[in-house]
C-alpha atoms as a PDB file:
ATOM      1  CA  MET A   1      42.259   8.796  26.848  1.00  0.00           C
ATOM      2  CA  PRO A   2      39.526   6.666  25.064  1.00  0.00           C
ATOM      3  CA  VAL A   3      39.888   6.949  21.049  1.00  0.00           C
ATOM      4  CA  THR A   4      36.907   8.162  19.405  1.00  0.00           C
ATOM      5  CA  ARG A   5      36.519   6.875  15.820  1.00  0.00           C
ATOM      6  CA  ARG A   6      35.365   8.796  12.804  1.00  0.00           C
ATOM      7  CA  PRO A   7      32.940   6.991  10.685  1.00  0.00           C
ATOM      8  CA  SER A   8      34.951   5.366   8.025  1.00  0.00           C
ATOM      9  CA  LEU A   9      33.353   6.325   3.958  1.00  0.00           C
ATOM     10  CA  ARG A  10      32.230   2.286   4.406  1.00  0.00           C
ATOM     11  CA  ASN A  11      29.865   2.975   7.358  1.00  0.00           C
ATOM     12  CA  ALA A  12      28.709   6.115   5.801  1.00  0.00           C
ATOM     13  CA  ARG A  13      27.546   4.503   2.599  1.00  0.00           C
ATOM     14  CA  ARG A  14      25.740   1.772   4.442  1.00  0.00           C
ATOM     15  CA  PRO A  15      22.292   3.539   4.652  1.00  0.00           C
ATOM     16  CA  VAL A  16      22.611   3.213   0.338  1.00  0.00           C
ATOM     17  CA  VAL A  17      25.172   0.327  -0.264  1.00  0.00           C
ATOM     18  CA  ARG A  18      23.722  -2.379   2.568  1.00  0.00           C
ATOM     19  CA  PRO A  19      20.202  -2.641   1.403  1.00  0.00           C
ATOM     20  CA  MET A  20      21.661  -3.476  -1.976  1.00  0.00           C
ATOM     21  CA  ARG A  21      23.451  -6.317  -0.759  1.00  0.00           C
ATOM     22  CA  GLU A  22      20.490  -8.287   0.812  1.00  0.00           C
ATOM     23  CA  ARG A  23      18.869 -10.851  -1.571  1.00  0.00           C
ATOM     24  CA  ALA A  24      15.621  -9.849  -1.168  1.00  0.00           C
ATOM     25  CA  VAL A  25      16.201  -6.609  -2.540  1.00  0.00           C
ATOM     26  CA  GLN A  26      18.262  -8.257  -5.407  1.00  0.00           C
ATOM     27  CA  LEU A  27      15.732 -10.509  -6.196  1.00  0.00           C
ATOM     28  CA  THR A  28      12.886  -7.575  -6.341  1.00  0.00           C
ATOM     29  CA  LEU A  29      15.216  -5.956  -9.114  1.00  0.00           C
ATOM     30  CA  LEU A  30      15.890  -9.207 -10.788  1.00  0.00           C
ATOM     31  CA  GLY A  31      11.990  -9.778 -10.558  1.00  0.00           C
ATOM     32  CA  TRP A  32      11.138  -5.804 -11.928  1.00  0.00           C
ATOM     33  CA  LEU A  33      13.228  -6.412 -14.884  1.00  0.00           C
ATOM     34  CA  LEU A  34      11.808 -10.120 -15.541  1.00  0.00           C
ATOM     35  CA  ALA A  35       8.388  -8.856 -15.686  1.00  0.00           C
ATOM     36  CA  ASN A  36       9.313  -6.062 -18.091  1.00  0.00           C
ATOM     37  CA  VAL A  37      10.780  -8.345 -20.470  1.00  0.00           C
ATOM     38  CA  VAL A  38       7.738 -10.825 -20.065  1.00  0.00           C
ATOM     39  CA  VAL A  39       5.143  -8.284 -20.584  1.00  0.00           C
ATOM     40  CA  LEU A  40       7.296  -7.074 -24.018  1.00  0.00           C
ATOM     41  CA  ALA A  41       7.334 -10.605 -24.997  1.00  0.00           C
ATOM     42  CA  VAL A  42       3.486 -11.504 -24.315  1.00  0.00           C
ATOM     43  CA  GLY A  43       1.713  -8.148 -24.224  1.00  0.00           C
ATOM     44  CA  GLY A  44       1.479  -7.949 -28.043  1.00  0.00           C
ATOM     45  CA  GLY A  45       1.765  -4.109 -28.366  1.00  0.00           C
ATOM     46  CA  THR A  46      -1.866  -3.398 -25.923  1.00  0.00           C
ATOM     47  CA  LEU A  47      -2.861  -4.699 -22.725  1.00  0.00           C
ATOM     48  CA  PRO A  48      -6.065  -6.354 -21.624  1.00  0.00           C
ATOM     49  CA  PHE A  49      -7.236  -4.120 -19.040  1.00  0.00           C
ATOM     50  CA  ASP A  50      -9.658  -1.443 -19.349  1.00  0.00           C
ATOM     51  CA  TRP A  51      -7.319   1.477 -18.655  1.00  0.00           C
ATOM     52  CA  PRO A  52      -7.162   4.844 -21.051  1.00  0.00           C
ATOM     53  CA  GLY A  53      -3.973   4.421 -22.521  1.00  0.00           C
ATOM     54  CA  THR A  54      -2.968   0.780 -22.722  1.00  0.00           C
ATOM     55  CA  ALA A  55      -0.093   0.776 -25.180  1.00  0.00           C
ATOM     56  CA  VAL A  56       2.704  -1.636 -23.233  1.00  0.00           C
ATOM     57  CA  ALA A  57       5.899   0.309 -23.606  1.00  0.00           C
ATOM     58  CA  GLY A  58       4.018   3.503 -22.013  1.00  0.00           C
ATOM     59  CA  GLN A  59       2.616   1.663 -19.690  1.00  0.00           C
ATOM     60  CA  LEU A  60       5.834   0.445 -18.665  1.00  0.00           C
ATOM     61  CA  VAL A  61       7.568   3.568 -18.949  1.00  0.00           C
ATOM     62  CA  GLU A  62       5.037   5.075 -16.464  1.00  0.00           C
ATOM     63  CA  PHE A  63       5.173   2.093 -14.220  1.00  0.00           C
ATOM     64  CA  ALA A  64       9.134   2.532 -13.795  1.00  0.00           C
ATOM     65  CA  ALA A  65       7.969   6.691 -13.001  1.00  0.00           C
ATOM     66  CA  ARG A  66       6.143   5.147 -10.315  1.00  0.00           C
ATOM     67  CA  ALA A  67       8.794   3.359  -8.658  1.00  0.00           C
ATOM     68  CA  LEU A  68      11.436   5.477  -9.220  1.00  0.00           C
ATOM     69  CA  GLU A  69       8.900   7.772  -6.698  1.00  0.00           C
ATOM     70  CA  ALA A  70       8.474   5.689  -4.598  1.00  0.00           C
ATOM     71  CA  LEU A  71      12.175   4.771  -3.863  1.00  0.00           C
ATOM     72  CA  LEU A  72      12.711   8.979  -3.690  1.00  0.00           C
ATOM     73  CA  ILE A  73       9.951   8.860  -1.264  1.00  0.00           C
ATOM     74  CA  ILE A  74      11.572   6.256   0.897  1.00  0.00           C
ATOM     75  CA  ALA A  75      14.896   7.977   0.621  1.00  0.00           C
ATOM     76  CA  LEU A  76      13.403  11.538   1.580  1.00  0.00           C
ATOM     77  CA  ALA A  77      11.644   9.730   4.554  1.00  0.00           C
ATOM     78  CA  TYR A  78      15.035   8.562   5.962  1.00  0.00           C
ATOM     79  CA  ALA A  79      16.659  11.705   5.418  1.00  0.00           C
ATOM     80  CA  LEU A  80      14.026  13.246   7.447  1.00  0.00           C
ATOM     81  CA  THR A  81      14.191  10.645  10.227  1.00  0.00           C
ATOM     82  CA  ARG A  82      17.855   9.983  10.501  1.00  0.00           C
ATOM     83  CA  ARG A  83      18.620  11.909  13.554  1.00  0.00           C
ATOM     84  CA  ARG A  84      15.279  10.806  15.457  1.00  0.00           C
ATOM     85  CA  ALA A  85      15.656   7.454  17.604  1.00  0.00           C
ATOM     86  CA  ILE A  86      14.141   4.854  15.459  1.00  0.00           C
ATOM     87  CA  PRO A  87      11.772   2.249  17.131  1.00  0.00           C
ATOM     88  CA  ASP A  88      12.953  -1.231  16.765  1.00  0.00           C
ATOM     89  CA  LEU A  89       9.525  -2.965  15.385  1.00  0.00           C
ATOM     90  CA  ALA A  90      10.909  -6.712  15.561  1.00  0.00           C
ATOM     91  CA  GLU A  91      10.888  -5.575  19.785  1.00  0.00           C
ATOM     92  CA  ARG A  92       6.811  -5.171  19.543  1.00  0.00           C
ATOM     93  CA  ALA A  93       6.409  -8.672  17.952  1.00  0.00           C
ATOM     94  CA  PRO A  94       6.634 -12.018  20.326  1.00  0.00           C
ATOM     95  CA  ALA A  95       9.993 -12.909  21.059  1.00  0.00           C
ATOM     96  CA  ASP A  96       9.394 -16.291  20.644  1.00  0.00           C
ATOM     97  CA  ARG A  97      10.163 -17.120  17.221  1.00  0.00           C
ATOM     98  CA  ALA A  98       7.605 -19.940  16.712  1.00  0.00           C
ATOM     99  CA  ARG A  99       4.807 -17.938  18.224  1.00  0.00           C
ATOM    100  CA  ALA A 100       5.795 -15.080  15.697  1.00  0.00           C
ATOM    101  CA  THR A 101       5.599 -17.377  13.094  1.00  0.00           C
ATOM    102  CA  ARG A 102       2.217 -18.990  13.872  1.00  0.00           C
ATOM    103  CA  GLU A 103       0.651 -15.556  14.446  1.00  0.00           C
ATOM    104  CA  THR A 104       2.318 -14.801  10.799  1.00  0.00           C
ATOM    105  CA  LEU A 105       0.982 -17.514   9.189  1.00  0.00           C
ATOM    106  CA  LEU A 106      -2.035 -17.824  10.736  1.00  0.00           C
ATOM    107  CA  LEU A 107      -3.152 -14.047   9.663  1.00  0.00           C
ATOM    108  CA  LEU A 108      -2.054 -14.487   6.038  1.00  0.00           C
ATOM    109  CA  ALA A 109      -4.260 -17.219   5.814  1.00  0.00           C
ATOM    110  CA  TYR A 110      -7.191 -15.206   7.507  1.00  0.00           C
ATOM    111  CA  GLY A 111      -6.304 -12.520   4.706  1.00  0.00           C
ATOM    112  CA  ALA A 112      -6.539 -15.222   1.801  1.00  0.00           C
ATOM    113  CA  ALA A 113      -9.858 -16.258   3.546  1.00  0.00           C
ATOM    114  CA  GLY A 114     -11.135 -13.126   3.810  1.00  0.00           C
ATOM    115  CA  LEU A 115     -10.695 -12.348   0.343  1.00  0.00           C
ATOM    116  CA  LEU A 116     -12.497 -15.334  -0.655  1.00  0.00           C
ATOM    117  CA  GLY A 117     -15.504 -14.130   1.513  1.00  0.00           C
ATOM    118  CA  GLY A 118     -15.249 -10.859  -0.449  1.00  0.00           C
ATOM    119  CA  HIS A 119     -15.419 -12.435  -3.392  1.00  0.00           C
ATOM    120  CA  LEU A 120     -18.239 -14.938  -2.488  1.00  0.00           C
ATOM    121  CA  LEU A 121     -20.411 -12.132  -1.019  1.00  0.00           C
ATOM    122  CA  ALA A 122     -19.765  -9.819  -3.732  1.00  0.00           C
ATOM    123  CA  ARG A 123     -20.688 -12.692  -5.946  1.00  0.00           C
ATOM    124  CA  THR A 124     -24.059 -13.256  -4.363  1.00  0.00           C
ATOM    125  CA  PHE A 125     -25.300  -9.678  -5.042  1.00  0.00           C
ATOM    126  CA  GLY A 126     -23.759  -9.428  -8.722  1.00  0.00           C
ATOM    127  CA  TRP A 127     -20.894  -7.147  -7.670  1.00  0.00           C
ATOM    128  CA  HIS A 128     -17.008  -6.652  -8.270  1.00  0.00           C
ATOM    129  CA  PRO A 129     -15.409  -8.939  -5.856  1.00  0.00           C
ATOM    130  CA  PHE A 130     -14.051  -7.647  -2.830  1.00  0.00           C
ATOM    131  CA  GLY A 131     -10.508  -6.196  -2.239  1.00  0.00           C
ATOM    132  CA  PHE A 132      -8.704  -3.267  -0.945  1.00  0.00           C
ATOM    133  CA  HIS A 133      -9.865  -1.342  -3.933  1.00  0.00           C
ATOM    134  CA  LEU A 134     -13.470  -0.527  -4.532  1.00  0.00           C
ATOM    135  CA  ALA A 135     -13.981  -1.114  -8.483  1.00  0.00           C
ATOM    136  CA  GLY A 136     -13.287   1.471 -10.175  1.00  0.00           C
ATOM    137  CA  SER A 137     -10.715   3.331  -7.788  1.00  0.00           C
ATOM    138  CA  VAL A 138      -7.540   4.566  -9.037  1.00  0.00           C
ATOM    139  CA  VAL A 139      -7.277   2.811 -12.050  1.00  0.00           C
ATOM    140  CA  GLY A 140      -9.567   0.042 -13.627  1.00  0.00           C
ATOM    141  CA  THR A 141     -12.977  -0.829 -14.955  1.00  0.00           C
ATOM    142  CA  HIS A 142     -15.292   1.767 -15.938  1.00  0.00           C
ATOM    143  CA  GLU A 143     -18.722  -0.713 -15.184  1.00  0.00           C
ATOM    144  CA  HIS A 144     -21.377   0.555 -13.173  1.00  0.00           C
ATOM    145  CA  VAL A 145     -20.624   0.839  -9.482  1.00  0.00           C
ATOM    146  CA  THR A 146     -24.003   1.079  -7.027  1.00  0.00           C
ATOM    147  CA  PRO A 147     -24.202   2.913  -3.731  1.00  0.00           C
ATOM    148  CA  ALA A 148     -25.284   0.038  -2.263  1.00  0.00           C
ATOM    149  CA  GLU A 149     -22.038  -1.954  -3.346  1.00  0.00           C
ATOM    150  CA  ALA A 150     -19.799   1.206  -2.335  1.00  0.00           C
ATOM    151  CA  VAL A 151     -21.172   0.728   1.559  1.00  0.00           C
ATOM    152  CA  THR A 152     -20.998  -2.734   1.354  1.00  0.00           C
ATOM    153  CA  TRP A 153     -17.504  -3.179   0.459  1.00  0.00           C
ATOM    154  CA  ALA A 154     -16.252  -0.297   2.967  1.00  0.00           C
ATOM    155  CA  CYS A 155     -17.921  -2.287   5.695  1.00  0.00           C
ATOM    156  CA  TYR A 156     -16.760  -5.617   5.251  1.00  0.00           C
ATOM    157  CA  ASN A 157     -13.391  -4.601   4.557  1.00  0.00           C
ATOM    158  CA  LEU A 158     -13.532  -2.594   7.877  1.00  0.00           C
ATOM    159  CA  LEU A 159     -14.604  -5.411   9.948  1.00  0.00           C
ATOM    160  CA  VAL A 160     -12.974  -8.353   8.261  1.00  0.00           C
ATOM    161  CA  TYR A 161      -9.467  -6.806   7.904  1.00  0.00           C
ATOM    162  CA  ALA A 162      -9.440  -4.128  10.827  1.00  0.00           C
ATOM    163  CA  THR A 163     -12.039  -4.731  13.660  1.00  0.00           C
ATOM    164  CA  VAL A 164     -11.511  -8.045  14.090  1.00  0.00           C
ATOM    165  CA  PRO A 165      -7.545  -8.074  14.138  1.00  0.00           C
ATOM    166  CA  LEU A 166      -7.437  -5.334  16.060  1.00  0.00           C
ATOM    167  CA  VAL A 167      -9.998  -6.438  18.707  1.00  0.00           C
ATOM    168  CA  TYR A 168      -7.686 -10.160  18.699  1.00  0.00           C
ATOM    169  CA  PHE A 169      -4.633  -8.674  18.998  1.00  0.00           C
ATOM    170  CA  ARG A 170      -5.374  -5.764  21.020  1.00  0.00           C
ATOM    171  CA  ARG A 171      -5.966  -8.117  24.048  1.00  0.00           C
ATOM    172  CA  ARG A 172      -3.141  -9.686  24.144  1.00  0.00           C
ATOM    173  CA  TYR A 173      -0.569  -6.685  23.073  1.00  0.00           C
ATOM    174  CA  SER A 174      -0.414  -2.615  23.691  1.00  0.00           C
ATOM    175  CA  ALA A 175      -1.014  -0.284  21.690  1.00  0.00           C
ATOM    176  CA  THR A 176       2.624   0.587  21.126  1.00  0.00           C
ATOM    177  CA  ALA A 177       3.454  -2.920  20.206  1.00  0.00           C
ATOM    178  CA  LEU A 178       0.312  -2.227  17.351  1.00  0.00           C
ATOM    179  CA  ASN A 179       2.083   0.696  16.188  1.00  0.00           C
ATOM    180  CA  LEU A 180      -0.780   2.777  17.310  1.00  0.00           C
ATOM    181  CA  THR A 181       1.081   5.423  18.980  1.00  0.00           C
ATOM    182  CA  SER A 182       4.091   8.017  18.409  1.00  0.00           C
ATOM    183  CA  THR A 183       7.245   7.759  19.912  1.00  0.00           C
ATOM    184  CA  ASP A 184       7.795  11.496  18.707  1.00  0.00           C
ATOM    185  CA  ARG A 185       4.835  13.303  17.488  1.00  0.00           C
ATOM    186  CA  ARG A 186       6.599  16.571  16.332  1.00  0.00           C
ATOM    187  CA  ALA A 187       9.064  14.390  14.036  1.00  0.00           C
ATOM    188  CA  ASP A 188       5.793  12.679  12.888  1.00  0.00           C
ATOM    189  CA  ALA A 189       3.850  15.642  11.946  1.00  0.00           C
ATOM    190  CA  LYS A 190       6.716  16.658   9.912  1.00  0.00           C
ATOM    191  CA  LEU A 191       7.542  13.583   8.067  1.00  0.00           C
ATOM    192  CA  ILE A 192       3.646  13.378   7.039  1.00  0.00           C
ATOM    193  CA  GLY A 193       3.563  17.156   6.403  1.00  0.00           C
ATOM    194  CA  VAL A 194       6.393  16.841   3.739  1.00  0.00           C
ATOM    195  CA  VAL A 195       5.449  13.633   2.043  1.00  0.00           C
ATOM    196  CA  LEU A 196       2.242  14.686   2.177  1.00  0.00           C
ATOM    197  CA  LEU A 197       3.302  17.562  -0.146  1.00  0.00           C
ATOM    198  CA  VAL A 198       5.439  16.001  -2.432  1.00  0.00           C
ATOM    199  CA  GLU A 199       2.838  12.901  -3.247  1.00  0.00           C
ATOM    200  CA  SER A 200       0.274  15.687  -3.736  1.00  0.00           C
ATOM    201  CA  ALA A 201       2.630  17.920  -6.008  1.00  0.00           C
ATOM    202  CA  VAL A 202       3.476  14.486  -8.084  1.00  0.00           C
ATOM    203  CA  GLN A 203      -0.309  13.623  -8.527  1.00  0.00           C
ATOM    204  CA  PHE A 204      -1.492  17.239  -9.391  1.00  0.00           C
ATOM    205  CA  THR A 205       1.683  17.454 -11.969  1.00  0.00           C
ATOM    206  CA  ALA A 206       1.926  13.760 -13.565  1.00  0.00           C
ATOM    207  CA  LEU A 207      -1.621  12.890 -13.514  1.00  0.00           C
ATOM    208  CA  ARG A 208      -4.619  16.339 -13.358  1.00  0.00           C
ATOM    209  CA  PRO A 209      -6.874  14.289 -11.470  1.00  0.00           C
ATOM    210  CA  ALA A 210     -10.538  15.299 -12.624  1.00  0.00           C
ATOM    211  CA  ILE A 211     -11.206  16.855  -9.089  1.00  0.00           C
ATOM    212  CA  VAL A 212      -9.719  19.911 -10.413  1.00  0.00           C
ATOM    213  CA  ASP A 213     -12.670  20.010 -12.730  1.00  0.00           C
ATOM    214  CA  MET A 214     -15.452  19.071 -10.126  1.00  0.00           C
ATOM    215  CA  THR A 215     -17.933  21.668  -9.160  1.00  0.00           C
ATOM    216  CA  GLY A 216     -18.371  23.395  -6.012  1.00  0.00           C
ATOM    217  CA  SER A 217     -21.276  21.215  -4.141  1.00  0.00           C
ATOM    218  CA  GLN A 218     -19.490  17.852  -5.783  1.00  0.00           C
ATOM    219  CA  LEU A 219     -16.499  18.785  -3.744  1.00  0.00           C
ATOM    220  CA  LEU A 220     -18.605  19.778  -0.378  1.00  0.00           C
ATOM    221  CA  PHE A 221     -20.647  16.627  -0.626  1.00  0.00           C
ATOM    222  CA  GLY A 222     -18.354  13.966  -2.172  1.00  0.00           C
ATOM    223  CA  ALA A 223     -14.710  14.527  -0.960  1.00  0.00           C
ATOM    224  CA  PRO A 224     -15.970  13.892   2.442  1.00  0.00           C
ATOM    225  CA  LEU A 225     -17.965  10.887   1.506  1.00  0.00           C
ATOM    226  CA  THR A 226     -14.938   9.525  -0.708  1.00  0.00           C
ATOM    227  CA  PHE A 227     -12.886  10.154   2.512  1.00  0.00           C
ATOM    228  CA  VAL A 228     -15.045   8.283   4.627  1.00  0.00           C
ATOM    229  CA  LEU A 229     -15.603   5.691   2.731  1.00  0.00           C
ATOM    230  CA  PHE A 230     -11.991   4.823   1.548  1.00  0.00           C
ATOM    231  CA  LEU A 231     -10.813   4.729   4.968  1.00  0.00           C
ATOM    232  CA  ALA A 232     -13.249   2.216   6.028  1.00  0.00           C
ATOM    233  CA  GLY A 233     -12.599   0.399   2.905  1.00  0.00           C
ATOM    234  CA  ALA A 234      -9.244   0.526   2.211  1.00  0.00           C
ATOM    235  CA  VAL A 235      -6.668   2.665   4.612  1.00  0.00           C
ATOM    236  CA  LEU A 236      -7.732   1.449   7.965  1.00  0.00           C
ATOM    237  CA  PRO A 237      -8.048  -2.301   6.990  1.00  0.00           C
ATOM    238  CA  ALA A 238      -4.242  -2.036   5.196  1.00  0.00           C
ATOM    239  CA  MET A 239      -3.085  -0.200   8.306  1.00  0.00           C
ATOM    240  CA  VAL A 240      -4.051  -2.620  10.966  1.00  0.00           C
ATOM    241  CA  PHE A 241      -3.658  -5.721   8.950  1.00  0.00           C
ATOM    242  CA  ILE A 242      -0.362  -5.000   7.461  1.00  0.00           C
ATOM    243  CA  TYR A 243       1.569  -2.426   9.256  1.00  0.00           C
ATOM    244  CA  CYS A 244      -0.274  -2.589  12.626  1.00  0.00           C
ATOM    245  CA  ILE A 245       0.215  -6.624  13.064  1.00  0.00           C
ATOM    246  CA  LEU A 246       2.110  -8.194  10.291  1.00  0.00           C
ATOM    247  CA  VAL A 247       5.261  -5.390   9.708  1.00  0.00           C
ATOM    248  CA  PRO A 248       6.557  -6.213  13.173  1.00  0.00           C
ATOM    249  CA  ARG A 249       6.567  -9.506  12.778  1.00  0.00           C
ATOM    250  CA  TYR A 250       8.181  -9.869   9.323  1.00  0.00           C
ATOM    251  CA  LEU A 251      11.009  -7.689  11.077  1.00  0.00           C
ATOM    252  CA  ARG A 252      11.037 -10.124  13.738  1.00  0.00           C
ATOM    253  CA  LEU A 253      11.210 -13.279  11.370  1.00  0.00           C
ATOM    254  CA  THR A 254      13.799 -11.762   8.601  1.00  0.00           C
ATOM    255  CA  GLY A 255      15.925  -9.475  11.114  1.00  0.00           C
ATOM    256  CA  SER A 256      15.729  -7.239   7.795  1.00  0.00           C
ATOM    257  CA  VAL A 257      14.779  -3.865   7.355  1.00  0.00           C
ATOM    258  CA  ALA A 258      15.130  -4.154   3.482  1.00  0.00           C
ATOM    259  CA  THR A 259      13.362  -7.911   3.420  1.00  0.00           C
ATOM    260  CA  THR A 260      10.641  -6.251   5.385  1.00  0.00           C
ATOM    261  CA  THR A 261       9.956  -3.912   3.317  1.00  0.00           C
ATOM    262  CA  VAL A 262       9.800  -5.904   0.326  1.00  0.00           C
ATOM    263  CA  LEU A 263       7.446  -8.361   2.052  1.00  0.00           C
ATOM    264  CA  GLY A 264       5.275  -5.514   3.028  1.00  0.00           C
ATOM    265  CA  GLY A 265       4.681  -4.285  -0.520  1.00  0.00           C
ATOM    266  CA  LEU A 266       3.868  -7.780  -1.744  1.00  0.00           C
ATOM    267  CA  THR A 267       1.442  -8.433   1.118  1.00  0.00           C
ATOM    268  CA  TYR A 268      -0.116  -4.472  -0.002  1.00  0.00           C
ATOM    269  CA  ALA A 269      -0.353  -6.224  -3.586  1.00  0.00           C
ATOM    270  CA  ALA A 270      -1.788  -9.300  -2.560  1.00  0.00           C
ATOM    271  CA  MET A 271      -4.572  -7.584  -0.824  1.00  0.00           C
ATOM    272  CA  HIS A 272      -5.522  -6.254  -4.153  1.00  0.00           C
ATOM    273  CA  PHE A 273      -6.098  -9.071  -5.789  1.00  0.00           C
ATOM    274  CA  TRP A 274      -9.669  -8.924  -6.703  1.00  0.00           C
ATOM    275  CA  ASP A 275      -9.188  -5.678  -8.511  1.00  0.00           C
ATOM    276  CA  ALA A 276     -11.533  -5.134 -11.085  1.00  0.00           C
ATOM    277  CA  TRP A 277      -9.505  -4.135 -13.585  1.00  0.00           C
ATOM    278  CA  MET A 278      -7.933  -8.010 -13.397  1.00  0.00           C
ATOM    279  CA  VAL A 279      -8.519 -10.028 -16.429  1.00  0.00           C
ATOM    280  CA  PHE A 280      -8.318 -13.804 -15.948  1.00  0.00           C
ATOM    281  CA  SER A 281     -10.035 -14.658 -19.368  1.00  0.00           C
ATOM    282  CA  SER A 282      -6.980 -16.472 -20.190  1.00  0.00           C
ATOM    283  CA  PRO A 283      -3.478 -17.462 -19.168  1.00  0.00           C
ATOM    284  CA  ARG A 284      -1.995 -14.439 -21.062  1.00  0.00           C
ATOM    285  CA  ASP A 285      -4.167 -12.024 -19.494  1.00  0.00           C
ATOM    286  CA  THR A 286      -3.769 -13.776 -16.397  1.00  0.00           C
ATOM    287  CA  LEU A 287      -0.266 -13.640 -16.200  1.00  0.00           C
ATOM    288  CA  LEU A 288      -0.470  -9.641 -17.522  1.00  0.00           C
ATOM    289  CA  SER A 289      -2.878  -9.053 -14.310  1.00  0.00           C
ATOM    290  CA  LEU A 290      -0.664 -10.672 -11.885  1.00  0.00           C
ATOM    291  CA  ILE A 291       2.589  -8.665 -13.110  1.00  0.00           C
ATOM    292  CA  PHE A 292       0.633  -5.452 -13.546  1.00  0.00           C
ATOM    293  CA  LEU A 293      -0.588  -6.011 -10.194  1.00  0.00           C
ATOM    294  CA  LEU A 294       2.719  -6.319  -8.670  1.00  0.00           C
ATOM    295  CA  LEU A 295       3.821  -3.416 -10.557  1.00  0.00           C
ATOM    296  CA  LEU A 296       1.195  -1.307  -9.239  1.00  0.00           C
ATOM    297  CA  TYR A 297       1.137  -1.973  -6.199  1.00  0.00           C
ATOM    298  CA  VAL A 298       4.642  -3.132  -4.591  1.00  0.00           C
ATOM    299  CA  PRO A 299       5.956   0.361  -4.831  1.00  0.00           C
ATOM    300  CA  PRO A 300       3.386   2.081  -2.777  1.00  0.00           C
ATOM    301  CA  GLY A 301       3.502  -1.113  -0.209  1.00  0.00           C
ATOM    302  CA  MET A 302       7.052  -0.744   0.509  1.00  0.00           C
ATOM    303  CA  VAL A 303       6.494   3.155   1.076  1.00  0.00           C
ATOM    304  CA  LYS A 304       4.025   2.678   3.836  1.00  0.00           C
ATOM    305  CA  THR A 305       5.973   0.198   4.958  1.00  0.00           C
ATOM    306  CA  ASN A 306       9.173   2.133   5.265  1.00  0.00           C
ATOM    307  CA  LEU A 307       7.006   4.925   6.938  1.00  0.00           C
ATOM    308  CA  THR A 308       6.020   2.676   9.439  1.00  0.00           C
ATOM    309  CA  LEU A 309       9.317   0.991  10.178  1.00  0.00           C
ATOM    310  CA  ARG A 310      10.998   4.552  10.213  1.00  0.00           C
ATOM    311  CA  THR A 311       8.666   5.848  12.780  1.00  0.00           C
ATOM    312  CA  GLY A 312       7.166   2.998  14.659  1.00  0.00           C
ATOM    313  CA  ASN A 313       3.542   4.708  14.008  1.00  0.00           C
ATOM    314  CA  ALA A 314       1.171   2.903  11.543  1.00  0.00           C
ATOM    315  CA  TRP A 315      -0.821   6.088  10.991  1.00  0.00           C
ATOM    316  CA  VAL A 316       2.012   8.139   9.498  1.00  0.00           C
ATOM    317  CA  HIS A 317       1.306   6.412   5.974  1.00  0.00           C
ATOM    318  CA  VAL A 318      -1.946   6.881   6.633  1.00  0.00           C
ATOM    319  CA  TRP A 319      -2.297  10.495   6.602  1.00  0.00           C
ATOM    320  CA  ALA A 320       1.202  11.101   4.683  1.00  0.00           C
ATOM    321  CA  TYR A 321       0.520   8.890   1.664  1.00  0.00           C
ATOM    322  CA  HIS A 322      -3.397   7.155   1.338  1.00  0.00           C
ATOM    323  CA  ALA A 323      -6.378   8.279   2.905  1.00  0.00           C
ATOM    324  CA  LEU A 324      -5.693  12.097   1.182  1.00  0.00           C
ATOM    325  CA  VAL A 325      -3.388  11.089  -1.239  1.00  0.00           C
ATOM    326  CA  PRO A 326      -4.304   9.213  -3.526  1.00  0.00           C
ATOM    327  CA  HIS A 327      -8.322   8.164  -2.383  1.00  0.00           C
ATOM    328  CA  THR A 328      -9.295  11.108  -1.829  1.00  0.00           C
ATOM    329  CA  LEU A 329      -7.612  13.138  -4.357  1.00  0.00           C
ATOM    330  CA  ILE A 330      -7.998  10.464  -7.272  1.00  0.00           C
ATOM    331  CA  ASP A 331     -11.329   8.980  -6.395  1.00  0.00           C
ATOM    332  CA  THR A 332     -13.653  11.956  -5.380  1.00  0.00           C
ATOM    333  CA  PRO A 333     -14.909  12.011  -9.200  1.00  0.00           C
ATOM    334  CA  HIS A 334     -15.393   8.260  -8.428  1.00  0.00           C
ATOM    335  CA  ILE A 335     -17.802   8.571  -5.753  1.00  0.00           C
ATOM    336  CA  THR A 336     -19.625  11.494  -6.795  1.00  0.00           C
ATOM    337  CA  HIS A 337     -20.754   9.551  -9.523  1.00  0.00           C
ATOM    338  CA  VAL A 338     -21.552   6.160  -7.816  1.00  0.00           C
ATOM    339  CA  PHE A 339     -23.807   8.239  -5.857  1.00  0.00           C
ATOM    340  CA  GLY A 340     -24.904  10.537  -8.268  1.00  0.00           C
ATOM    341  CA  ILE A 341     -23.821  14.324  -6.655  1.00  0.00           C
ATOM    342  CA  LYS A 342     -24.084  16.789  -8.879  1.00  0.00           C
END
């Protein structure tokens, strides 16, 4: 009779221990520690950003808490999906490594060109440069944003980062290969519901978003408008560009879920390079801006990547961790101000 082996303690701990042994994870942790050291060394007690409450120590503690929350959500996603069949996203990328590398590099170059084009277009009209966030979103500048700027930002990002890449790759790859379909709708719905509930609770408890103080008419008109604008300008561009196309290729090239998760977070951060709060007036301000760009966006980018890797469905992160929370929840007051909704 065949002998059935009981899983060893080493194998049982593998989901926790194995990622910590990977170079990308170790470098990420080291980079995070070094970033904190540099900020404390050159911050000078305050930061140059147009944020409420810019004391250095307080900001670092807040970002550490955000990073911890992101790791807890990743752990929660693992717990909720541990019994389901996890799709192999590497199989959805080109089997030819040279082709996968070429597509990855060309897409990254295209993304950089899109950021440059967004800068030139916006500056032509005297607006803030276009990245994955509208000026004033989540954190940042209190400068005025016009309705024309908001609409143009959304249309530009939707066209450049979502429509054009999707049309190009959809002619060559199936919807499944682009992470656009679900292999287990019930499990995906459960994961979306739990993560959305947890993240909403965190946002309400920790931040007390200004949406709770809005009038009924502002909620009635402002919330749907915010949802549509940010779905077009931030959510769908990130979904298609990073989580539909790049993530499977990262996994094919690295062969590592942990490394792919880190790369997804770094890419997500890079696409916010033109956030309006960033300051480039001096080497110190530039360094602090780049560090806080990573501290702010790498953790949520990793969560989005991990949700996609665990489900093979890029829509999961859209509804669980992006379109509704944080954007509609946090940015509705900003959009009602932009469009003058009373």
